[in-house]
Protein backbone atom coordinates (compact mmCIF):
# COMPACT_ATOMS: atom_id res chain seq x y z
CA UNK A 1 0.00 -0.04 -0.01
CA UNK A 2 1.88 3.07 -1.19
CA UNK A 3 -0.03 5.59 0.89
CA UNK A 4 1.77 6.39 4.23
CA UNK A 5 0.28 7.25 7.55
CA UNK A 6 1.32 10.86 7.85
CA UNK A 7 4.69 10.77 9.60
CA UNK A 8 4.31 7.08 10.24
CA UNK A 9 5.84 4.46 7.96
CA UNK A 10 3.97 2.95 5.03
CA UNK A 11 1.37 0.28 5.54
CA UNK A 12 2.71 -3.11 4.48
CA UNK A 13 0.16 -5.54 3.07
CA UNK A 14 1.13 -9.22 3.11
CA UNK A 15 -0.65 -12.55 2.21
CA UNK A 16 -1.16 -15.20 4.78
CA UNK A 17 1.49 -17.99 4.64
CA UNK A 18 3.35 -16.05 1.86
CA UNK A 19 6.67 -14.99 3.40
CA UNK A 20 7.79 -11.38 3.15
CA UNK A 21 11.40 -10.36 3.00
CA UNK A 22 12.16 -6.72 3.93
CA UNK A 23 15.40 -4.74 3.65
CA UNK A 24 15.54 -2.06 6.21
CA UNK A 25 17.92 0.85 5.51
CA UNK A 26 18.56 3.53 8.02
CA UNK A 27 19.48 6.99 6.74
CA UNK A 28 18.58 8.81 9.93
CA UNK A 29 20.67 11.77 10.91
CA UNK A 30 23.28 11.42 13.64
CA UNK A 31 21.63 13.98 15.82
CA UNK A 32 18.30 12.95 17.31
CA UNK A 33 15.03 14.87 16.91
CA UNK A 34 14.97 14.88 20.79
CA UNK A 35 18.75 15.22 21.31
CA UNK A 36 18.40 16.79 24.77
CA UNK A 37 16.54 13.84 26.06
CA UNK A 38 19.10 11.43 24.51
CA UNK A 39 21.87 13.33 26.25
CA UNK A 40 19.99 12.94 29.51
CA UNK A 41 19.60 9.25 28.94
CA UNK A 42 23.36 8.81 28.38
CA UNK A 43 23.86 10.71 31.68
CA UNK A 44 21.41 8.61 33.62
CA UNK A 45 22.14 5.16 32.05
CA UNK A 46 25.74 5.20 30.65
CA UNK A 47 26.18 1.47 30.99
CA UNK A 48 23.01 0.54 29.14
CA UNK A 49 23.23 2.70 25.98
CA UNK A 50 25.64 2.61 23.01
CA UNK A 51 28.61 4.91 23.72
CA UNK A 52 29.03 8.08 21.68
CA UNK A 53 25.90 7.53 19.62
CA UNK A 54 22.72 9.67 19.47
CA UNK A 55 20.64 7.68 17.02
CA UNK A 56 20.35 3.88 16.73
CA UNK A 57 17.40 1.83 15.65
CA UNK A 58 15.99 -1.63 14.82
CA UNK A 59 12.65 -2.72 13.54
CA UNK A 60 10.52 -5.16 15.45
CA UNK A 61 7.72 -7.14 13.70
CA UNK A 62 5.08 -6.82 16.45
CA UNK A 63 2.83 -9.90 16.66
CA UNK A 64 4.76 -11.83 13.95
CA UNK A 65 5.65 -15.45 14.07
CA UNK A 66 9.23 -14.60 13.40
CA UNK A 67 12.72 -16.22 14.06
CA UNK A 68 14.76 -14.21 16.55
CA UNK A 69 17.33 -13.02 13.99
CA UNK A 70 14.52 -11.16 12.17
CA UNK A 71 12.52 -10.14 15.25
CA UNK A 72 14.15 -6.78 15.80
CA UNK A 73 15.31 -7.32 19.43
CA UNK A 74 16.69 -4.40 21.48
CA UNK A 75 20.37 -5.29 21.05
CA UNK A 76 20.07 -5.95 17.27
CA UNK A 77 20.25 -2.20 16.52
CA UNK A 78 22.27 -0.51 13.76
CA UNK A 79 22.90 3.07 12.56
CA UNK A 80 23.11 5.12 9.37
CA UNK A 81 26.94 5.09 9.74
CA UNK A 82 27.03 1.27 9.91
CA UNK A 83 27.67 0.81 13.63
CA UNK A 84 26.07 -2.45 14.89
CA UNK A 85 24.65 -3.50 18.25
CA UNK A 86 26.09 -6.63 19.99
CA UNK A 87 23.26 -8.81 18.61
CA UNK A 88 22.91 -7.32 15.12
CA UNK A 89 21.77 -9.87 12.62
CA UNK A 90 20.76 -9.94 8.98
CA UNK A 91 19.82 -12.51 6.45
CA UNK A 92 22.19 -12.85 3.51
CA UNK A 93 24.95 -10.55 4.74
CA UNK A 94 26.40 -10.26 1.24
CA UNK A 95 23.37 -8.23 0.16
CA UNK A 96 23.10 -5.96 3.22
CA UNK A 97 25.15 -2.78 3.51
CA UNK A 98 26.47 -1.84 6.96
CA UNK A 99 23.48 0.45 7.53
CA UNK A 100 20.96 -2.25 6.42
CA UNK A 101 19.32 -5.38 7.87
CA UNK A 102 17.40 -7.96 5.90
CA UNK A 103 14.53 -9.73 7.79
CA UNK A 104 12.25 -12.60 6.84
CA UNK A 105 8.66 -12.72 8.03
CA UNK A 106 6.70 -16.03 7.81
CA UNK A 107 3.20 -14.36 7.79
CA UNK A 108 2.16 -17.73 9.25
CA UNK A 109 -0.88 -16.70 11.26
CA UNK A 110 -4.01 -18.62 12.24
CA UNK A 111 -6.09 -16.02 10.37
CA UNK A 112 -5.58 -12.69 8.71
CA UNK A 113 -4.85 -9.94 11.19
CA UNK A 114 -3.36 -6.49 11.80
CA UNK A 115 0.15 -6.48 13.00
CA UNK A 116 2.56 -3.58 13.11
CA UNK A 117 6.20 -2.74 12.97
CA UNK A 118 8.07 -0.25 15.16
CA UNK A 119 11.38 0.67 16.53
CA UNK A 120 12.68 -1.44 19.47
CA UNK A 121 16.24 -0.24 20.03
CA UNK A 122 17.64 -0.54 23.55
CA UNK A 123 16.94 2.44 25.76
CA UNK A 124 15.60 4.74 23.06
CA UNK A 125 12.41 2.94 21.80
CA UNK A 126 10.09 5.47 23.39
CA UNK A 127 11.81 8.40 21.58
CA UNK A 128 12.06 6.67 18.24
CA UNK A 129 8.40 5.51 18.06
CA UNK A 130 7.23 8.91 19.27
CA UNK A 131 9.16 10.48 16.47
CA UNK A 132 7.33 8.27 13.95
CA UNK A 133 9.22 4.93 13.55
CA UNK A 134 6.18 2.73 13.31
CA UNK A 135 3.65 1.51 10.78
CA UNK A 136 0.81 -0.94 10.17
CA UNK A 137 1.39 -4.47 8.78
CA UNK A 138 -1.78 -6.07 7.44
CA UNK A 139 -1.90 -9.83 6.67
CA UNK A 140 -4.76 -10.73 4.37
CA UNK A 141 -6.10 -14.15 3.57
CA UNK A 142 -7.67 -14.62 0.06
CA UNK A 143 -10.21 -16.95 1.71
CA UNK A 144 -11.62 -13.93 3.55
CA UNK A 145 -13.38 -12.82 0.30
CA UNK A 146 -16.05 -15.37 1.08
CA UNK A 147 -16.84 -13.92 4.49
CA UNK A 148 -18.57 -10.85 3.18
CA UNK A 149 -16.57 -8.33 5.10
CA UNK A 150 -16.22 -4.69 4.03
CA UNK A 151 -13.14 -4.35 1.88
CA UNK A 152 -11.15 -1.95 -0.34
CA UNK A 153 -12.14 1.67 0.40
CA UNK A 154 -14.53 0.37 3.19
CA UNK A 155 -11.75 -1.28 5.12
CA UNK A 156 -9.85 1.52 6.97
CA UNK A 157 -6.73 1.08 9.15
CA UNK A 158 -6.58 3.72 11.91
CA UNK A 159 -3.36 4.18 13.86
CA UNK A 160 -4.23 6.05 17.08
CA UNK A 161 -1.58 7.98 19.00
CA UNK A 162 -1.29 11.07 21.14
CA UNK A 163 1.32 13.78 20.61
CA UNK A 164 2.25 17.22 21.88
CA UNK A 165 3.26 20.01 19.53
CA UNK A 166 5.31 23.18 19.93
CA UNK A 167 3.64 26.55 19.05
CA UNK A 168 5.33 26.37 15.60
CA UNK A 169 3.81 22.93 14.91
CA UNK A 170 6.97 20.89 15.50
CA UNK A 171 6.82 17.71 17.57
CA UNK A 172 7.54 17.98 21.31
CA UNK A 173 8.52 15.06 23.53
CA UNK A 174 7.06 15.76 26.95
CA UNK A 175 6.45 12.28 28.29
CA UNK A 176 9.48 12.54 30.60
CA UNK A 177 7.52 15.27 32.47
CA UNK A 178 3.81 14.69 31.65
CA UNK A 179 1.42 11.78 31.85
CA UNK A 180 0.51 11.42 28.25
CA UNK A 181 0.52 13.89 25.36
CA UNK A 182 -2.35 16.29 24.72
CA UNK A 183 -3.37 15.97 21.04
CA UNK A 184 -4.96 13.00 19.30
CA UNK A 185 -3.30 11.91 16.12
CA UNK A 186 -4.83 9.41 13.75
CA UNK A 187 -2.83 8.09 10.79
CA UNK A 188 -0.38 11.01 11.49
CA UNK A 189 -3.06 13.66 11.33
CA UNK A 190 -4.38 15.68 14.30
CA UNK A 191 -8.15 15.71 14.74
CA UNK A 192 -8.82 14.24 11.38
CA UNK A 193 -12.18 13.43 9.73
CA UNK A 194 -13.32 10.74 7.19
CA UNK A 195 -16.24 11.23 4.86
CA UNK A 196 -18.16 7.94 4.74
CA UNK A 197 -21.15 6.42 2.96
CA UNK A 198 -24.29 5.19 4.86
CA UNK A 199 -23.12 1.58 5.00
CA UNK A 200 -20.96 -0.83 6.97
CA UNK A 201 -17.26 -0.13 7.31
CA UNK A 202 -14.46 -2.21 8.80
CA UNK A 203 -12.13 -0.16 11.04
CA UNK A 204 -8.71 -1.76 11.83
CA UNK A 205 -7.55 0.17 14.87
CA UNK A 206 -4.05 0.13 16.41
CA UNK A 207 -3.19 1.91 19.64
CA UNK A 208 0.34 3.23 18.86
CA UNK A 209 0.53 5.55 21.77
CA UNK A 210 3.57 5.33 23.94
CA UNK A 211 1.54 5.41 27.13
CA UNK A 212 -2.14 6.16 26.73
CA UNK A 213 -4.91 3.58 27.08
CA UNK A 214 -8.09 4.63 25.10
CA UNK A 215 -11.71 3.78 25.87
CA UNK A 216 -13.46 4.31 22.64
CA UNK A 217 -17.16 4.84 21.60
CA UNK A 218 -18.98 6.33 18.61
CA UNK A 219 -21.15 9.33 19.53
CA UNK A 220 -23.80 10.51 17.00
CA UNK A 221 -24.58 13.63 18.99
CA UNK A 222 -27.83 12.11 20.50
CA UNK A 223 -26.76 8.55 21.30
CA UNK A 224 -23.99 6.02 21.21
CA UNK A 225 -23.70 3.99 18.04
CA UNK A 226 -23.08 0.32 18.79
CA UNK A 227 -20.39 -1.54 16.84
CA UNK A 228 -19.25 -5.12 16.40
CA UNK A 229 -15.86 -6.47 17.48
CA UNK A 230 -14.76 -9.20 15.06
CA UNK A 231 -11.05 -9.44 15.81
CA UNK A 232 -8.22 -8.59 18.17
CA UNK A 233 -4.46 -8.53 18.05
CA UNK A 234 -3.84 -11.69 16.09
CA UNK A 235 -6.96 -12.41 14.22
CA UNK A 236 -10.72 -13.06 14.20
CA UNK A 237 -12.91 -13.88 17.09
CA UNK A 238 -16.64 -14.55 17.34
CA UNK A 239 -18.58 -11.31 16.68
CA UNK A 240 -19.39 -9.28 19.79
CA UNK A 241 -21.64 -6.24 19.91
CA UNK A 242 -20.34 -3.40 22.18
CA UNK A 243 -20.97 0.19 22.81
CA UNK A 244 -17.38 0.95 24.07
CA UNK A 245 -14.04 -0.81 24.26
CA UNK A 246 -10.79 -0.42 26.08
CA UNK A 247 -7.52 -0.61 24.02
CA UNK A 248 -4.13 -0.44 25.72
CA UNK A 249 -0.85 0.50 24.10
CA UNK A 250 0.03 -1.81 21.22
CA UNK A 251 -3.40 -3.62 21.19
CA UNK A 252 -5.40 -3.85 18.01
CA UNK A 253 -9.11 -4.18 17.46
CA UNK A 254 -11.05 -5.06 14.30
CA UNK A 255 -14.51 -3.41 14.22
CA UNK A 256 -17.57 -3.28 11.97
CA UNK A 257 -19.42 0.13 12.22
CA UNK A 258 -22.78 0.55 10.36
CA UNK A 259 -23.11 4.20 9.37
CA UNK A 260 -26.44 3.47 7.70
CA UNK A 261 -28.02 3.54 11.19
CA UNK A 262 -27.71 7.33 11.36
CA UNK A 263 -29.27 10.04 9.10
CA UNK A 264 -27.28 11.48 6.18
CA UNK A 265 -25.31 14.47 7.25
CA UNK A 266 -24.62 13.10 10.78
CA UNK A 267 -21.20 13.67 12.26
CA UNK A 268 -20.20 10.53 14.23
CA UNK A 269 -17.41 11.41 16.68
CA UNK A 270 -14.90 8.70 17.90
CA UNK A 271 -14.76 9.61 21.56
CA UNK A 272 -12.31 8.66 24.33
CA UNK A 273 -13.72 8.57 27.83
CA UNK A 274 -12.93 7.35 31.39
CA UNK A 275 -9.38 6.31 30.50
CA UNK A 276 -6.90 8.56 32.27
CA UNK A 277 -3.14 8.31 31.80
CA UNK A 278 -1.73 6.19 33.41
CA UNK A 279 -4.71 3.88 33.31
CA UNK A 280 -6.72 3.84 35.56
CA UNK A 281 -5.27 6.20 38.19
CA UNK A 282 -3.27 8.76 36.24
CA UNK A 283 -3.91 12.44 35.82
CA UNK A 284 -2.63 13.24 32.35
CA UNK A 285 -4.13 15.42 29.61
CA UNK A 286 -7.63 14.41 28.70
CA UNK A 287 -8.48 13.73 25.04
CA UNK A 288 -12.25 13.40 24.83
CA UNK A 289 -12.50 13.58 20.97
CA UNK A 290 -10.34 11.61 18.61
CA UNK A 291 -11.79 11.99 15.09
CA UNK A 292 -14.98 12.44 13.07
CA UNK A 293 -16.82 10.17 10.58
CA UNK A 294 -19.04 12.44 8.43
CA UNK A 295 -21.90 10.50 6.80
CA UNK A 296 -22.01 12.72 3.72
CA UNK A 297 -21.07 10.50 0.78
CA UNK A 298 -23.91 8.97 -1.32
CA UNK A 299 -23.92 5.20 -1.65
CA UNK A 300 -21.79 4.04 -4.55
CA UNK A 301 -23.73 0.77 -4.67
CA UNK A 302 -25.79 -1.64 -2.55
CA UNK A 303 -24.03 -2.76 0.72
CA UNK A 304 -23.78 -6.52 0.12
CA UNK A 305 -21.57 -7.22 3.06
CA UNK A 306 -22.66 -9.79 5.68
CA UNK A 307 -24.42 -8.48 8.73
CA UNK A 308 -22.03 -8.87 11.67
CA UNK A 309 -24.46 -10.98 13.67
CA UNK A 310 -24.40 -13.72 11.01
CA UNK A 311 -20.67 -13.61 10.14
CA UNK A 312 -19.12 -17.07 9.97
CA UNK A 313 -15.58 -16.21 11.12
CA UNK A 314 -12.79 -18.80 11.57
CA UNK A 315 -13.15 -20.20 15.12
CA UNK A 316 -10.69 -19.75 17.94
CA UNK A 317 -9.67 -23.05 19.39
CA UNK A 318 -9.22 -23.02 23.08
CA UNK A 319 -5.74 -23.77 24.29
CA UNK A 320 -6.20 -26.74 26.66
CA UNK A 321 -4.49 -26.97 30.00
CA UNK A 322 -4.52 -29.16 33.09
CA UNK A 323 -3.43 -28.89 36.70
CA UNK A 324 -0.02 -30.13 35.43
CA UNK A 325 0.46 -27.35 32.93
CA UNK A 326 3.67 -25.44 33.96
CA UNK A 327 3.17 -22.00 35.42
CA UNK A 328 5.58 -19.13 35.42
CA UNK A 329 5.26 -15.93 37.46
CA UNK A 330 6.43 -12.39 36.72
CA UNK A 331 6.12 -9.76 39.39
CA UNK A 332 6.02 -6.08 38.36
CA UNK A 333 8.58 -4.73 40.79
CA UNK A 334 9.76 -1.26 41.78
CA UNK A 335 11.94 -0.87 44.91
CA UNK A 336 11.16 2.77 45.33
CA UNK A 337 9.51 5.42 43.18
CA UNK A 338 12.98 6.55 42.01
CA UNK A 339 14.07 3.04 40.94
CA UNK A 340 13.43 1.36 37.65
CA UNK A 341 10.45 -0.96 37.02
CA UNK A 342 11.50 -4.54 36.53
CA UNK A 343 10.06 -8.02 36.23
CA UNK A 344 10.97 -10.22 39.16
CA UNK A 345 13.50 -7.59 40.34
CA UNK A 346 15.87 -8.39 37.50
CA UNK A 347 17.25 -5.92 35.01
CA UNK A 348 16.86 -6.57 31.28
CA UNK A 349 20.57 -7.02 30.80
CA UNK A 350 20.74 -9.94 33.31
CA UNK A 351 20.91 -13.36 31.60
CA UNK A 352 17.72 -15.14 30.67
CA UNK A 353 16.31 -17.02 33.64
CA UNK A 354 13.33 -18.59 31.94
CA UNK A 355 13.85 -21.67 29.72
CA UNK A 356 10.86 -23.10 27.87
CA UNK A 357 10.81 -26.40 26.01
CA UNK A 358 9.91 -26.08 22.28
CA UNK A 359 6.31 -27.16 21.62
CA UNK A 360 5.21 -26.94 25.21
CA UNK A 361 2.26 -25.10 26.74
CA UNK A 362 2.63 -22.77 29.71
CA UNK A 363 0.53 -20.48 31.83
CA UNK A 364 2.16 -17.14 32.70
CA UNK A 365 0.97 -15.10 35.59
CA UNK A 366 1.66 -11.34 35.68
CA UNK A 367 1.55 -10.21 39.34
CA UNK A 368 0.94 -6.49 39.32
CA UNK A 369 0.97 -4.76 42.84
CA UNK A 370 1.41 -1.37 41.20
CA UNK A 371 -1.38 1.29 41.07
CA UNK A 372 -1.49 1.40 37.22
CA UNK A 373 -2.15 -1.21 34.50
CA UNK A 374 0.74 -2.46 32.35
CA UNK A 375 0.00 -3.61 28.75
CA UNK A 376 2.46 -6.55 28.44
CA UNK A 377 3.62 -7.75 25.01
CA UNK A 378 5.11 -11.22 24.55
CA UNK A 379 7.22 -11.62 21.36
CA UNK A 380 6.82 -14.61 18.98
CA UNK A 381 3.64 -16.21 20.42
CA UNK A 382 0.04 -15.33 20.64
CA UNK A 383 -1.91 -16.39 23.61
CA UNK A 384 -5.32 -16.47 25.28
CA UNK A 385 -6.29 -14.61 28.42
CA UNK A 386 -7.43 -17.18 31.00
CA UNK A 387 -8.47 -15.12 34.03
CA UNK A 388 -7.49 -12.54 36.66
CA UNK A 389 -7.53 -12.74 40.34
CA UNK A 390 -7.41 -9.82 42.86
CA UNK A 391 -4.89 -9.70 45.64
CA UNK A 392 -3.67 -7.23 48.28
CA UNK A 393 -1.03 -5.35 46.21
CA UNK A 394 0.52 -3.12 48.87
CA UNK A 395 0.79 -6.04 51.35
CA UNK A 396 2.35 -8.40 48.83
CA UNK A 397 4.68 -5.71 47.48
CA UNK A 398 5.86 -5.07 51.03
CA UNK A 399 6.89 -8.67 51.69
CA UNK A 400 8.22 -9.12 48.16
CA UNK A 401 10.56 -6.11 48.61
CA UNK A 402 11.78 -7.59 51.90
CA UNK A 403 12.47 -10.86 50.19
CA UNK A 404 14.49 -9.16 47.36
CA UNK A 405 16.39 -7.11 49.99
CA UNK A 406 17.30 -10.26 51.88
CA UNK A 407 18.81 -11.95 48.93
CA UNK A 408 15.89 -13.53 46.98
CA UNK A 409 16.28 -16.96 48.52
CA UNK A 410 13.93 -19.20 46.53
CA UNK A 411 13.05 -21.19 49.67
CA UNK A 412 11.60 -18.03 51.21
CA UNK A 413 9.80 -16.55 48.23
CA UNK A 414 6.41 -15.12 49.19
CA UNK A 415 3.36 -16.81 47.68
CA UNK A 416 0.92 -14.44 46.04
CA UNK A 417 -1.82 -16.97 46.83
CA UNK A 418 -1.53 -15.92 50.49
CA UNK A 419 -2.74 -12.45 49.54
CA UNK A 420 -5.65 -13.26 47.31
CA UNK A 421 -8.74 -11.15 48.14
CA UNK A 422 -11.24 -12.89 45.91
CA UNK A 423 -11.76 -15.70 43.38
CA UNK A 424 -10.63 -15.64 39.75
CA UNK A 425 -12.64 -13.50 37.33
CA UNK A 426 -13.08 -14.17 33.64
CA UNK A 427 -11.35 -12.15 30.91
CA UNK A 428 -12.93 -8.89 29.76
CA UNK A 429 -15.58 -9.58 27.05
CA UNK A 430 -13.28 -8.30 24.24
CA UNK A 431 -10.52 -10.79 25.44
CA UNK A 432 -12.71 -13.82 25.76
CA UNK A 433 -11.61 -16.54 23.29
CA UNK A 434 -9.45 -14.05 21.42
CA UNK A 435 -5.92 -14.31 19.94
CA UNK A 436 -3.75 -11.80 21.74
CA UNK A 437 -0.04 -10.77 21.84
CA UNK A 438 -0.59 -7.91 24.36
CA UNK A 439 -2.52 -8.15 27.58
CA UNK A 440 -3.61 -5.53 30.08
CA UNK A 441 -2.10 -6.57 33.38
CA UNK A 442 -4.42 -4.68 35.69
CA UNK A 443 -3.38 -3.14 38.96
CA UNK A 444 -3.86 -5.34 42.07
CA UNK A 445 -4.57 -8.41 39.82
CA UNK A 446 -2.77 -11.61 38.87
CA UNK A 447 -3.36 -11.79 35.12
CA UNK A 448 -3.10 -15.36 33.69
CA UNK A 449 -2.37 -16.10 30.01
CA UNK A 450 -1.77 -19.39 28.21
CA UNK A 451 0.39 -19.99 25.15
CA UNK A 452 2.10 -22.65 23.13
CA UNK A 453 5.76 -22.28 22.17
CA UNK A 454 6.23 -23.29 18.58
CA UNK A 455 9.01 -21.73 16.45
CA UNK A 456 9.19 -20.79 12.77
CA UNK A 457 11.02 -22.98 10.33
CA UNK A 458 13.14 -21.92 7.36
CA UNK A 459 11.58 -19.77 4.69
CA UNK A 460 11.93 -21.63 1.37
CA UNK A 461 15.13 -20.65 -0.50
CA UNK A 462 16.40 -18.30 2.18
CA UNK A 463 19.32 -19.89 4.04
CA UNK A 464 19.47 -19.43 7.85
CA UNK A 465 16.07 -17.86 7.97
CA UNK A 466 14.65 -20.40 10.42
CA UNK A 467 14.92 -20.82 14.18
CA UNK A 468 17.90 -22.33 15.81
CA UNK A 469 17.61 -23.44 19.39
CA UNK A 470 18.20 -22.17 21.96
CA UNK A 471 16.18 -19.10 20.76
CA UNK A 472 15.91 -16.03 22.98
CA UNK A 473 12.96 -13.64 22.74
CA UNK A 474 11.63 -11.02 25.21
CA UNK A 475 8.40 -9.79 26.92
CA UNK A 476 7.93 -6.27 28.19
CA UNK A 477 5.50 -3.60 29.23
CA UNK A 478 4.30 -1.65 26.10
CA UNK A 479 4.19 1.67 27.93
CA UNK A 480 7.39 2.53 26.07
CA UNK A 481 8.80 4.64 28.86
CA UNK A 482 8.40 1.67 31.17
CA UNK A 483 10.05 -0.60 28.70
CA UNK A 484 13.05 1.64 28.38
CA UNK A 485 13.06 2.11 32.13
CA UNK A 486 13.80 -1.63 32.42
CA UNK A 487 10.38 -3.37 32.47
CA UNK A 488 11.54 -5.96 29.94
CA UNK A 489 13.11 -9.43 30.20
CA UNK A 490 14.50 -12.15 27.92
CA UNK A 491 13.14 -15.67 27.85
CA UNK A 492 14.55 -18.68 25.90
CA UNK A 493 13.08 -21.56 23.99
CA UNK A 494 15.20 -24.72 24.28
CA UNK A 495 15.16 -28.13 22.59
CA UNK A 496 13.65 -31.23 24.10
CA UNK A 497 16.94 -32.10 25.71
CA UNK A 498 16.71 -28.81 27.54
CA UNK A 499 19.88 -27.38 26.04
CA UNK A 500 20.05 -27.02 22.25
CA UNK A 501 18.43 -28.05 18.97
CA UNK A 502 18.55 -27.43 15.24
CA UNK A 503 16.78 -25.40 12.58
CA UNK A 504 13.28 -26.38 13.62
CA UNK A 505 10.36 -27.22 11.46
CA UNK A 506 7.13 -25.23 10.95
CA UNK A 507 4.58 -25.55 13.73
CA UNK A 508 1.53 -23.38 14.19
CA UNK A 509 1.55 -19.84 15.52
């Protein structure tokens, strides 16, 4: 798709199970758009950042079933001058200049879906994404034609973000001082509008904000216009009618909105409400209006799309588990308000401590005693949200801190079960039986997800494009300032012998 998203990157359109090879070339200047902030980062974290550099970048394929050498991991960065990070990787090095990297994407998804790509360079992701290094990545399945969904001009990708601007219109990075930016930006445009026909539209929405969680609804001026949710991060789900929906940073939603339900001439406003930054207890700038849909265009032809209630979408198969299914816990930890956020009190640069057998199924528990929700993204896999369970966050945080301060002896590790304040609760309706790669780990909750750890095989005719074991990926908070602060950890897939393997075969995503 040649049309770009304002200052975002172009939208890439791929076909399911047809691999894509992308050559990324960086021609960025050597002085950063937010150079003052980069200088401060070098002062605050000199051991974590590349020495004597102001601009470095790498592209992560968010949501993709991608081997680690093409994933765009934080230490795989490179620069316009050809300086490489310690884990820099490229396919076919003979065809990649020093300021380039070649990545192979399998596009092997269960169903068509909206992924995206964005910068993921160590320590600087928040600044680079804010400056515009991100874009949509749509995977289409030719079989979808039979579903009767809105398509072509009636299928509209919308990249939501919030930005702050200087009086002269230039971009200002204020997230080191403020909770959230103050202006809505959709597809790179502030307060845009779209003229639509009185018919059904498919809206593919990505929350590309650094920090902000949005709670969205469509307001006609007299009432709320209901819509249908037909998909989430990684593909279709059973149609669900809603009047509003919460979408955390990096999450995607696939909606059907019927503008024939309002009179011609109506302005339908996409509103944001009851979702402060940081969610749910922050006090950042409110953005009540996002964009307008103006029902002013005459029908170009009969709307022959399938009514959402009767859509026959590909089913989501439940990931089965038993009492024997391995569980892994990750505590969102911050020693004091001035210390970095971490998982399990470990910095990102500490060696991987989580080793997962290829092909296995695990339940991960995100234990969040903090007063804000953290949208957590897991690379490589998609998962299902199982449940959440409330616990006494302040009490658990106190004993967990004492345990860390006393040396983190595994024999004395506090059990979160001792602090439960109620029974498990089901996922939010939009998460129920949905394919996800980012989950909202709510405050005062243990959020449980389940996933299977398959790995991609070699892309035909491209040497070394498959997965070699052990293979290390990461998971992290997608509030990008938290990710850069240190709320990010590696994890490693190992062979059946627990140590190593070989270029592994396909396997489902």
